[in-house]
Amino acid sequence: MSESTRLPQGSTIGILGGGQLGRMLALAAARLGMKTHIYCPDPDSPAFDVTPRKTVAAYDDEEALARFAAEVDVITYEFENVPARTAAFLQQLKPLRPDAKALAVAQDRLAEKAFLTINRIPVAPFAAITDLDRLEAELAEIGTPAVLKTTRLGYDGKGQRIVRNMEDAALAWEMLSPRPLVLEGFIAFDKEISVVVARNAAGEVAAFEPAENVHREHILKSSTVPADISRKTARNAVEMAGDIATALDYVGVLGVEFFVLPGGRLLVNEIAPRVHNSGHWTEAVAITDQFEQHIRAISNWPLGDPSRMADVVMENLIGDEITAIPGKLGEGLRPHAYGKAESRKGRKMGHINRVAVKKRPK
């Protein structure tokens, strides 16, 4: 399939990863008349419940990957830690969207910061840390407090430590692996926002408006739209997200997380090459939700209208909070359970969109 070719209805979309994002992508694909084939090593993956075809195999099983690729028309993924070798192997067989370059940039914090800096996208001060001497020198340059992070495999607060002095730094160095690590300046921000942006193979870009995010124990708890920011800050965030997608020659939906500093200045915290937790509000109040937008983008269809029809707060249901759904079915409440078999502390089990409903006159 060439970059200019639109995928016809009835085509099969291959999805790497069988979690809740893969599940929601499969549901969106079905609404558009597409089929899905989900590849995941976990036989209990919740996405398997909603797809006609599945493969249970390791991500380094090239025979299974080749069979999977032969049965699909385009390949995408629901998580950014797809092994680089897997992405490169599959990209030789079928279109991979987003491509292996976008994946390589987004799954390594140093590569990501370097890419953003080269493209004049503002980020926090950072430095690669290869040993304790380098850590001490960069800590003196960047200042304290700072955050020491793994370059890969970090999410929901994992793989990072706050550093306030060299004693903290030495302990963090011993605790964190693999190395090298990255040291980032600690940002005293007013709030965190994110923009979900889409780009198709024809270069068309469409962005949803920013969501204001609140984290609890490093896990996203809620996303509120509209965000409590100025119109100028919102415009800048949307423009910056679009610039990132274009610079990456990106195809699909991309999540861009920002720190909002005093005065409305923005720093990019990180990018995620996939549909994004903070974009779940779109399924309740956007004309085109982020999951449909991703399917459109990777199929090279025209992108949908991202306009918002109502104010909304998306709240993640974490661990046993999922049991609240039967009691959360009132006016303006739209619950979504992910179908995960086991509820664990810190595990995202579902979400509820709280839509601001206009009261009808009596």
Protein backbone atom coordinates (compact mmCIF):
# COMPACT_ATOMS: atom_id res chain seq x y z
CA MET A 1 0.00 0.00 0.00
CA SER A 2 1.54 3.32 -1.05
CA GLU A 3 1.44 6.40 1.15
CA SER A 4 -1.25 7.93 -1.07
CA THR A 5 -3.54 4.87 -1.11
CA ARG A 6 -6.65 4.82 1.03
CA LEU A 7 -7.31 1.52 2.74
CA PRO A 8 -10.70 0.20 1.57
CA GLN A 9 -13.46 -0.84 3.94
CA GLY A 10 -13.21 -4.49 4.88
CA SER A 11 -9.42 -4.27 5.20
CA THR A 12 -7.71 -5.81 8.21
CA ILE A 13 -5.80 -3.66 10.67
CA GLY A 14 -3.10 -5.42 12.68
CA ILE A 15 -2.67 -4.16 16.23
CA LEU A 16 0.34 -4.93 18.41
CA GLY A 17 -0.80 -5.08 22.02
CA GLY A 18 -3.98 -6.39 23.58
CA GLY A 19 -4.70 -3.93 26.39
CA GLN A 20 -7.50 -1.40 26.72
CA LEU A 21 -6.16 0.86 23.97
CA GLY A 22 -6.01 -2.03 21.52
CA ARG A 23 -9.53 -2.96 22.57
CA MET A 24 -10.86 0.54 21.92
CA LEU A 25 -9.05 0.74 18.58
CA ALA A 26 -10.65 -2.53 17.51
CA LEU A 27 -14.10 -1.24 18.45
CA ALA A 28 -13.52 1.95 16.47
CA ALA A 29 -12.28 -0.01 13.46
CA ALA A 30 -15.41 -2.16 13.49
CA ARG A 31 -17.60 0.96 13.41
CA LEU A 32 -15.81 2.04 10.22
CA GLY A 33 -16.26 -1.34 8.54
CA MET A 34 -12.73 -2.55 9.19
CA LYS A 35 -11.55 -5.86 10.64
CA THR A 36 -8.79 -6.25 13.20
CA HIS A 37 -6.16 -8.83 14.08
CA ILE A 38 -4.56 -8.34 17.49
CA TYR A 39 -1.12 -9.69 18.37
CA CYS A 40 -0.19 -10.04 22.03
CA PRO A 41 1.74 -12.57 24.17
CA ASP A 42 -0.89 -12.50 26.95
CA PRO A 43 -3.69 -15.03 26.29
CA ASP A 44 -5.97 -13.10 28.67
CA SER A 45 -5.67 -9.79 26.82
CA PRO A 46 -8.94 -7.82 27.10
CA ALA A 47 -8.73 -6.73 23.46
CA PHE A 48 -9.15 -10.33 22.35
CA ASP A 49 -12.83 -10.12 23.37
CA VAL A 50 -13.63 -7.67 20.55
CA THR A 51 -11.55 -8.81 17.58
CA PRO A 52 -12.31 -11.54 15.02
CA ARG A 53 -8.66 -12.65 14.80
CA LYS A 54 -5.85 -12.90 17.34
CA THR A 55 -2.30 -14.20 17.64
CA VAL A 56 -0.85 -15.19 21.00
CA ALA A 57 2.93 -15.15 20.59
CA ALA A 58 6.04 -13.37 21.81
CA TYR A 59 7.06 -10.09 20.20
CA ASP A 60 10.36 -11.65 19.10
CA ASP A 61 8.76 -14.66 17.42
CA GLU A 62 9.52 -13.80 13.79
CA GLU A 63 7.61 -16.76 12.36
CA ALA A 64 4.45 -15.68 14.20
CA LEU A 65 5.07 -12.04 13.26
CA ALA A 66 5.41 -12.98 9.58
CA ARG A 67 2.14 -14.95 9.64
CA PHE A 68 0.45 -12.01 11.38
CA ALA A 69 1.76 -9.53 8.80
CA ALA A 70 0.58 -11.74 5.93
CA GLU A 71 -3.00 -11.54 7.21
CA VAL A 72 -3.27 -7.75 7.65
CA ASP A 73 -3.14 -4.67 5.43
CA VAL A 74 -1.56 -2.17 7.83
CA ILE A 75 0.02 -2.52 11.28
CA THR A 76 -0.25 -0.21 14.28
CA TYR A 77 0.38 -0.54 18.01
CA GLU A 78 -1.22 0.42 21.29
CA PHE A 79 1.94 0.84 23.38
CA GLU A 80 5.29 2.52 22.75
CA ASN A 81 7.55 -0.23 24.11
CA VAL A 82 7.28 -2.46 21.05
CA PRO A 83 10.80 -3.88 20.61
CA ALA A 84 12.76 -1.96 17.95
CA ARG A 85 13.68 -5.21 16.19
CA THR A 86 9.99 -6.18 16.00
CA ALA A 87 9.07 -2.83 14.49
CA ALA A 88 11.89 -3.02 11.93
CA PHE A 89 10.97 -6.60 10.96
CA LEU A 90 7.29 -5.81 10.48
CA GLN A 91 7.96 -2.59 8.58
CA GLN A 92 9.65 -4.63 5.87
CA LEU A 93 6.48 -6.67 5.39
CA LYS A 94 3.57 -4.22 5.71
CA PRO A 95 3.08 -0.49 6.35
CA LEU A 96 3.74 0.25 10.04
CA ARG A 97 1.91 3.33 11.26
CA PRO A 98 3.29 5.16 13.16
CA ASP A 99 6.60 4.01 11.68
CA ALA A 100 9.71 2.65 13.38
CA LYS A 101 11.38 6.08 13.42
CA ALA A 102 8.57 7.63 15.47
CA LEU A 103 8.67 4.65 17.80
CA ALA A 104 12.45 4.94 18.27
CA VAL A 105 12.20 8.63 19.14
CA ALA A 106 9.31 8.27 21.56
CA GLN A 107 10.48 5.19 23.44
CA ASP A 108 13.85 6.66 24.46
CA ARG A 109 13.82 9.78 26.61
CA LEU A 110 17.22 10.97 25.39
CA ALA A 111 16.29 10.52 21.73
CA GLU A 112 12.98 12.25 22.39
CA LYS A 113 14.57 15.27 24.13
CA ALA A 114 17.21 15.55 21.42
CA PHE A 115 14.58 15.40 18.66
CA LEU A 116 12.45 18.08 20.32
CA THR A 117 15.44 20.33 20.95
CA ILE A 118 16.63 20.07 17.33
CA ASN A 119 13.13 21.05 16.21
CA ARG A 120 13.05 24.02 18.59
CA ILE A 121 10.37 22.57 20.82
CA PRO A 122 11.01 23.73 24.42
CA VAL A 123 11.80 21.05 27.02
CA ALA A 124 13.23 21.01 30.55
CA PRO A 125 17.04 21.13 30.88
CA PHE A 126 18.43 17.60 30.48
CA ALA A 127 21.66 15.63 30.24
CA ALA A 128 22.71 12.06 29.53
CA ILE A 129 24.17 10.38 32.62
CA THR A 130 26.73 7.64 32.06
CA ASP A 131 28.41 7.50 35.48
CA LEU A 132 28.42 9.08 38.94
CA ASP A 133 31.02 11.70 38.03
CA ARG A 134 28.88 12.87 35.12
CA LEU A 135 25.84 12.89 37.40
CA GLU A 136 27.61 15.12 39.92
CA ALA A 137 28.77 17.53 37.21
CA GLU A 138 25.38 17.78 35.52
CA LEU A 139 23.59 18.15 38.84
CA ALA A 140 25.78 21.18 39.56
CA GLU A 141 24.88 22.58 36.12
CA ILE A 142 21.13 21.85 36.10
CA GLY A 143 20.59 22.45 39.81
CA THR A 144 18.44 20.79 42.44
CA PRO A 145 15.89 19.45 42.77
CA ALA A 146 16.16 17.40 39.61
CA VAL A 147 14.73 14.11 38.36
CA LEU A 148 16.87 11.12 37.40
CA LYS A 149 15.09 8.80 34.97
CA THR A 150 15.66 5.68 32.95
CA THR A 151 15.77 6.45 29.25
CA ARG A 152 13.39 3.60 28.41
CA LEU A 153 10.42 1.66 29.80
CA GLY A 154 9.24 4.32 32.25
CA TYR A 155 5.53 5.08 32.66
CA ASP A 156 3.09 6.08 35.42
CA GLY A 157 5.98 7.35 37.55
CA LYS A 158 8.08 4.20 37.20
CA GLY A 159 11.79 4.44 36.46
CA GLN A 160 12.45 7.82 38.05
CA ARG A 161 13.68 9.36 41.31
CA ILE A 162 13.72 12.90 42.70
CA VAL A 163 17.27 14.08 43.44
CA ARG A 164 17.84 16.87 45.97
CA ASN A 165 21.53 16.34 46.72
CA MET A 166 24.43 14.03 45.85
CA GLU A 167 23.38 11.51 48.47
CA ASP A 168 20.00 11.22 46.73
CA ALA A 169 21.77 11.08 43.39
CA ALA A 170 24.06 8.21 44.37
CA LEU A 171 21.12 6.21 45.73
CA ALA A 172 19.03 6.90 42.62
CA TRP A 173 21.94 5.85 40.39
CA GLU A 174 22.15 2.49 42.18
CA MET A 175 18.39 1.91 42.03
CA LEU A 176 17.72 2.79 38.40
CA SER A 177 18.59 0.67 35.39
CA PRO A 178 19.21 0.09 32.54
CA ARG A 179 21.78 2.80 31.89
CA PRO A 180 22.56 5.39 30.62
CA LEU A 181 20.07 7.51 32.53
CA VAL A 182 18.81 11.01 31.89
CA LEU A 183 18.81 13.89 34.38
CA GLU A 184 16.07 16.48 33.95
CA GLY A 185 15.55 19.78 35.69
CA PHE A 186 12.61 19.78 38.11
CA ILE A 187 9.92 22.08 36.72
CA ALA A 188 7.77 24.16 39.06
CA PHE A 189 4.72 24.14 36.81
CA ASP A 190 1.24 25.54 37.32
CA LYS A 191 -0.54 22.60 35.73
CA GLU A 192 -0.19 19.76 33.26
CA ILE A 193 -2.07 19.61 29.98
CA SER A 194 -1.99 17.35 26.96
CA VAL A 195 -2.96 17.56 23.32
CA VAL A 196 -3.99 14.59 21.20
CA VAL A 197 -3.14 15.27 17.57
CA ALA A 198 -3.63 13.19 14.42
CA ARG A 199 -1.86 13.19 11.08
CA ASN A 200 -2.56 10.98 8.07
CA ALA A 201 -0.21 9.84 5.31
CA ALA A 202 -1.37 12.68 3.07
CA GLY A 203 -0.07 15.19 5.65
CA GLU A 204 -3.47 16.34 6.95
CA VAL A 205 -3.32 17.33 10.63
CA ALA A 206 -6.17 17.67 13.14
CA ALA A 207 -5.87 18.23 16.88
CA PHE A 208 -8.25 17.94 19.79
CA GLU A 209 -8.21 20.81 22.24
CA PRO A 210 -6.00 20.56 25.33
CA ALA A 211 -7.09 18.58 28.39
CA GLU A 212 -6.02 19.58 31.91
CA ASN A 213 -4.62 16.55 33.73
CA VAL A 214 -4.42 15.64 37.40
CA HIS A 215 -2.23 12.75 38.59
CA ARG A 216 -2.52 10.72 41.77
CA GLU A 217 0.53 8.68 42.82
CA HIS A 218 2.00 9.33 39.36
CA ILE A 219 -1.03 7.81 37.59
CA LEU A 220 -3.43 9.95 35.57
CA LYS A 221 -6.60 10.37 37.59
CA SER A 222 -8.61 12.90 35.60
CA SER A 223 -8.61 14.95 32.40
CA THR A 224 -10.81 18.04 32.22
CA VAL A 225 -11.92 19.82 29.06
CA PRO A 226 -11.87 22.73 28.60
CA ALA A 227 -8.57 23.19 30.39
CA ASP A 228 -8.25 26.24 32.63
CA ILE A 229 -5.71 27.99 30.41
CA SER A 230 -5.74 31.06 28.18
CA ARG A 231 -6.75 30.84 24.53
CA LYS A 232 -3.21 31.80 23.58
CA THR A 233 -1.73 28.93 25.62
CA ALA A 234 -4.26 26.51 24.12
CA ARG A 235 -3.41 27.66 20.58
CA ASN A 236 0.30 27.36 21.25
CA ALA A 237 -0.09 23.81 22.62
CA VAL A 238 -2.13 22.69 19.61
CA GLU A 239 0.34 24.30 17.19
CA MET A 240 3.31 22.72 18.95
CA ALA A 241 1.69 19.27 18.87
CA GLY A 242 1.05 19.64 15.15
CA ASP A 243 4.64 20.74 14.55
CA ILE A 244 5.91 17.63 16.35
CA ALA A 245 3.70 15.32 14.28
CA THR A 246 4.84 16.96 11.06
CA ALA A 247 8.54 16.90 12.01
CA LEU A 248 8.24 13.16 12.71
CA ASP A 249 6.39 12.62 9.40
CA TYR A 250 3.97 10.91 11.75
CA VAL A 251 0.94 8.84 10.73
CA GLY A 252 -1.64 8.13 13.44
CA VAL A 253 -2.66 9.71 16.73
CA LEU A 254 0.02 11.20 18.96
CA GLY A 255 -0.26 12.31 22.60
CA VAL A 256 1.83 15.33 23.66
CA GLU A 257 2.10 16.16 27.37
CA PHE A 258 3.00 19.69 28.46
CA PHE A 259 3.96 21.53 31.62
CA VAL A 260 2.26 24.94 31.84
CA LEU A 261 4.56 27.41 33.57
CA PRO A 262 3.62 30.73 35.17
CA GLY A 263 2.64 33.17 32.45
CA GLY A 264 1.42 30.36 30.19
CA ARG A 265 4.82 29.29 28.84
CA LEU A 266 4.87 25.65 27.70
CA LEU A 267 7.45 22.89 28.00
CA VAL A 268 6.92 19.48 26.44
CA ASN A 269 7.16 16.76 29.08
CA GLU A 270 6.91 13.76 26.77
CA ILE A 271 5.28 12.40 23.64
CA ALA A 272 3.41 9.12 23.25
CA PRO A 273 3.14 7.53 19.76
CA ARG A 274 -0.36 6.14 20.24
CA VAL A 275 -3.86 6.97 21.37
CA HIS A 276 -3.60 8.52 24.81
CA ASN A 277 -5.28 8.05 28.20
CA SER A 278 -5.92 11.79 28.46
CA GLY A 279 -7.87 11.61 25.20
CA HIS A 280 -10.53 9.23 26.47
CA TRP A 281 -12.86 12.21 26.95
CA THR A 282 -13.21 12.36 23.16
CA GLU A 283 -15.33 9.21 23.01
CA ALA A 284 -18.11 10.98 24.92
CA VAL A 285 -18.16 14.51 23.52
CA ALA A 286 -16.05 14.81 20.34
CA ILE A 287 -17.63 14.44 16.92
CA THR A 288 -14.77 12.09 16.04
CA ASP A 289 -13.10 10.35 18.99
CA GLN A 290 -9.36 9.68 19.15
CA PHE A 291 -9.74 5.97 18.36
CA GLU A 292 -11.70 6.56 15.15
CA GLN A 293 -9.25 9.32 14.28
CA HIS A 294 -6.34 6.91 14.60
CA ILE A 295 -8.02 4.32 12.37
CA ARG A 296 -8.77 7.04 9.81
CA ALA A 297 -5.18 8.30 9.91
CA ILE A 298 -3.45 4.93 9.47
CA SER A 299 -5.94 4.03 6.71
CA ASN A 300 -5.12 7.37 5.01
CA TRP A 301 -8.75 8.43 5.13
CA PRO A 302 -9.69 12.09 5.59
CA LEU A 303 -9.44 12.97 9.28
CA GLY A 304 -12.63 13.51 11.23
CA ASP A 305 -13.94 16.64 12.93
CA PRO A 306 -12.30 16.93 16.40
CA SER A 307 -14.80 19.52 17.66
CA ARG A 308 -16.06 19.18 21.23
CA MET A 309 -19.82 19.24 21.84
CA ALA A 310 -19.88 19.60 25.66
CA ASP A 311 -17.67 20.13 28.68
CA VAL A 312 -16.40 16.90 30.21
CA VAL A 313 -14.25 15.37 32.93
CA MET A 314 -12.71 11.97 32.29
CA GLU A 315 -11.91 10.04 35.46
CA ASN A 316 -9.81 6.89 35.45
CA LEU A 317 -11.11 3.96 37.50
CA ILE A 318 -8.07 2.44 39.16
CA GLY A 319 -8.02 -0.90 40.95
CA ASP A 320 -11.22 -1.66 42.85
CA GLU A 321 -12.79 1.63 41.73
CA ILE A 322 -14.12 -0.32 38.75
CA THR A 323 -16.79 -1.80 41.04
CA ALA A 324 -18.42 1.66 41.16
CA ILE A 325 -19.68 1.43 37.58
CA PRO A 326 -23.15 -0.04 38.32
CA GLY A 327 -23.83 2.97 40.53
CA LYS A 328 -22.47 5.46 37.99
CA LEU A 329 -25.15 5.28 35.33
CA GLY A 330 -26.92 8.59 35.95
CA GLU A 331 -27.42 11.61 33.75
CA GLY A 332 -24.27 12.77 32.00
CA LEU A 333 -22.22 9.75 33.08
CA ARG A 334 -20.68 7.48 30.46
CA PRO A 335 -18.72 4.55 31.92
CA HIS A 336 -16.29 2.33 30.05
CA ALA A 337 -14.96 -0.92 31.55
CA TYR A 338 -11.87 -2.46 29.96
CA GLY A 339 -12.77 -6.10 30.54
CA LYS A 340 -9.65 -6.91 32.55
CA ALA A 341 -9.99 -10.11 34.54
CA GLU A 342 -8.01 -9.02 37.60
CA SER A 343 -8.26 -5.80 39.57
CA ARG A 344 -4.95 -4.70 41.11
CA LYS A 345 -3.77 -1.61 42.94
CA GLY A 346 -2.58 0.97 40.43
CA ARG A 347 -4.10 -0.86 37.46
CA LYS A 348 -6.35 1.10 35.11
CA MET A 349 -9.58 -0.87 34.94
CA GLY A 350 -11.88 1.60 33.19
CA HIS A 351 -12.96 5.21 33.09
CA ILE A 352 -16.02 7.40 33.43
CA ASN A 353 -16.74 10.47 31.34
CA ARG A 354 -18.76 13.05 33.29
CA VAL A 355 -20.47 15.16 30.64
CA ALA A 356 -21.90 18.58 31.49
CA VAL A 357 -25.50 18.07 30.39
CA LYS A 358 -27.64 21.09 29.65
CA LYS A 359 -30.73 21.03 31.81
CA ARG A 360 -33.92 20.68 29.84
CA PRO A 361 -36.70 23.13 30.64
CA LYS A 362 -39.53 21.55 32.57
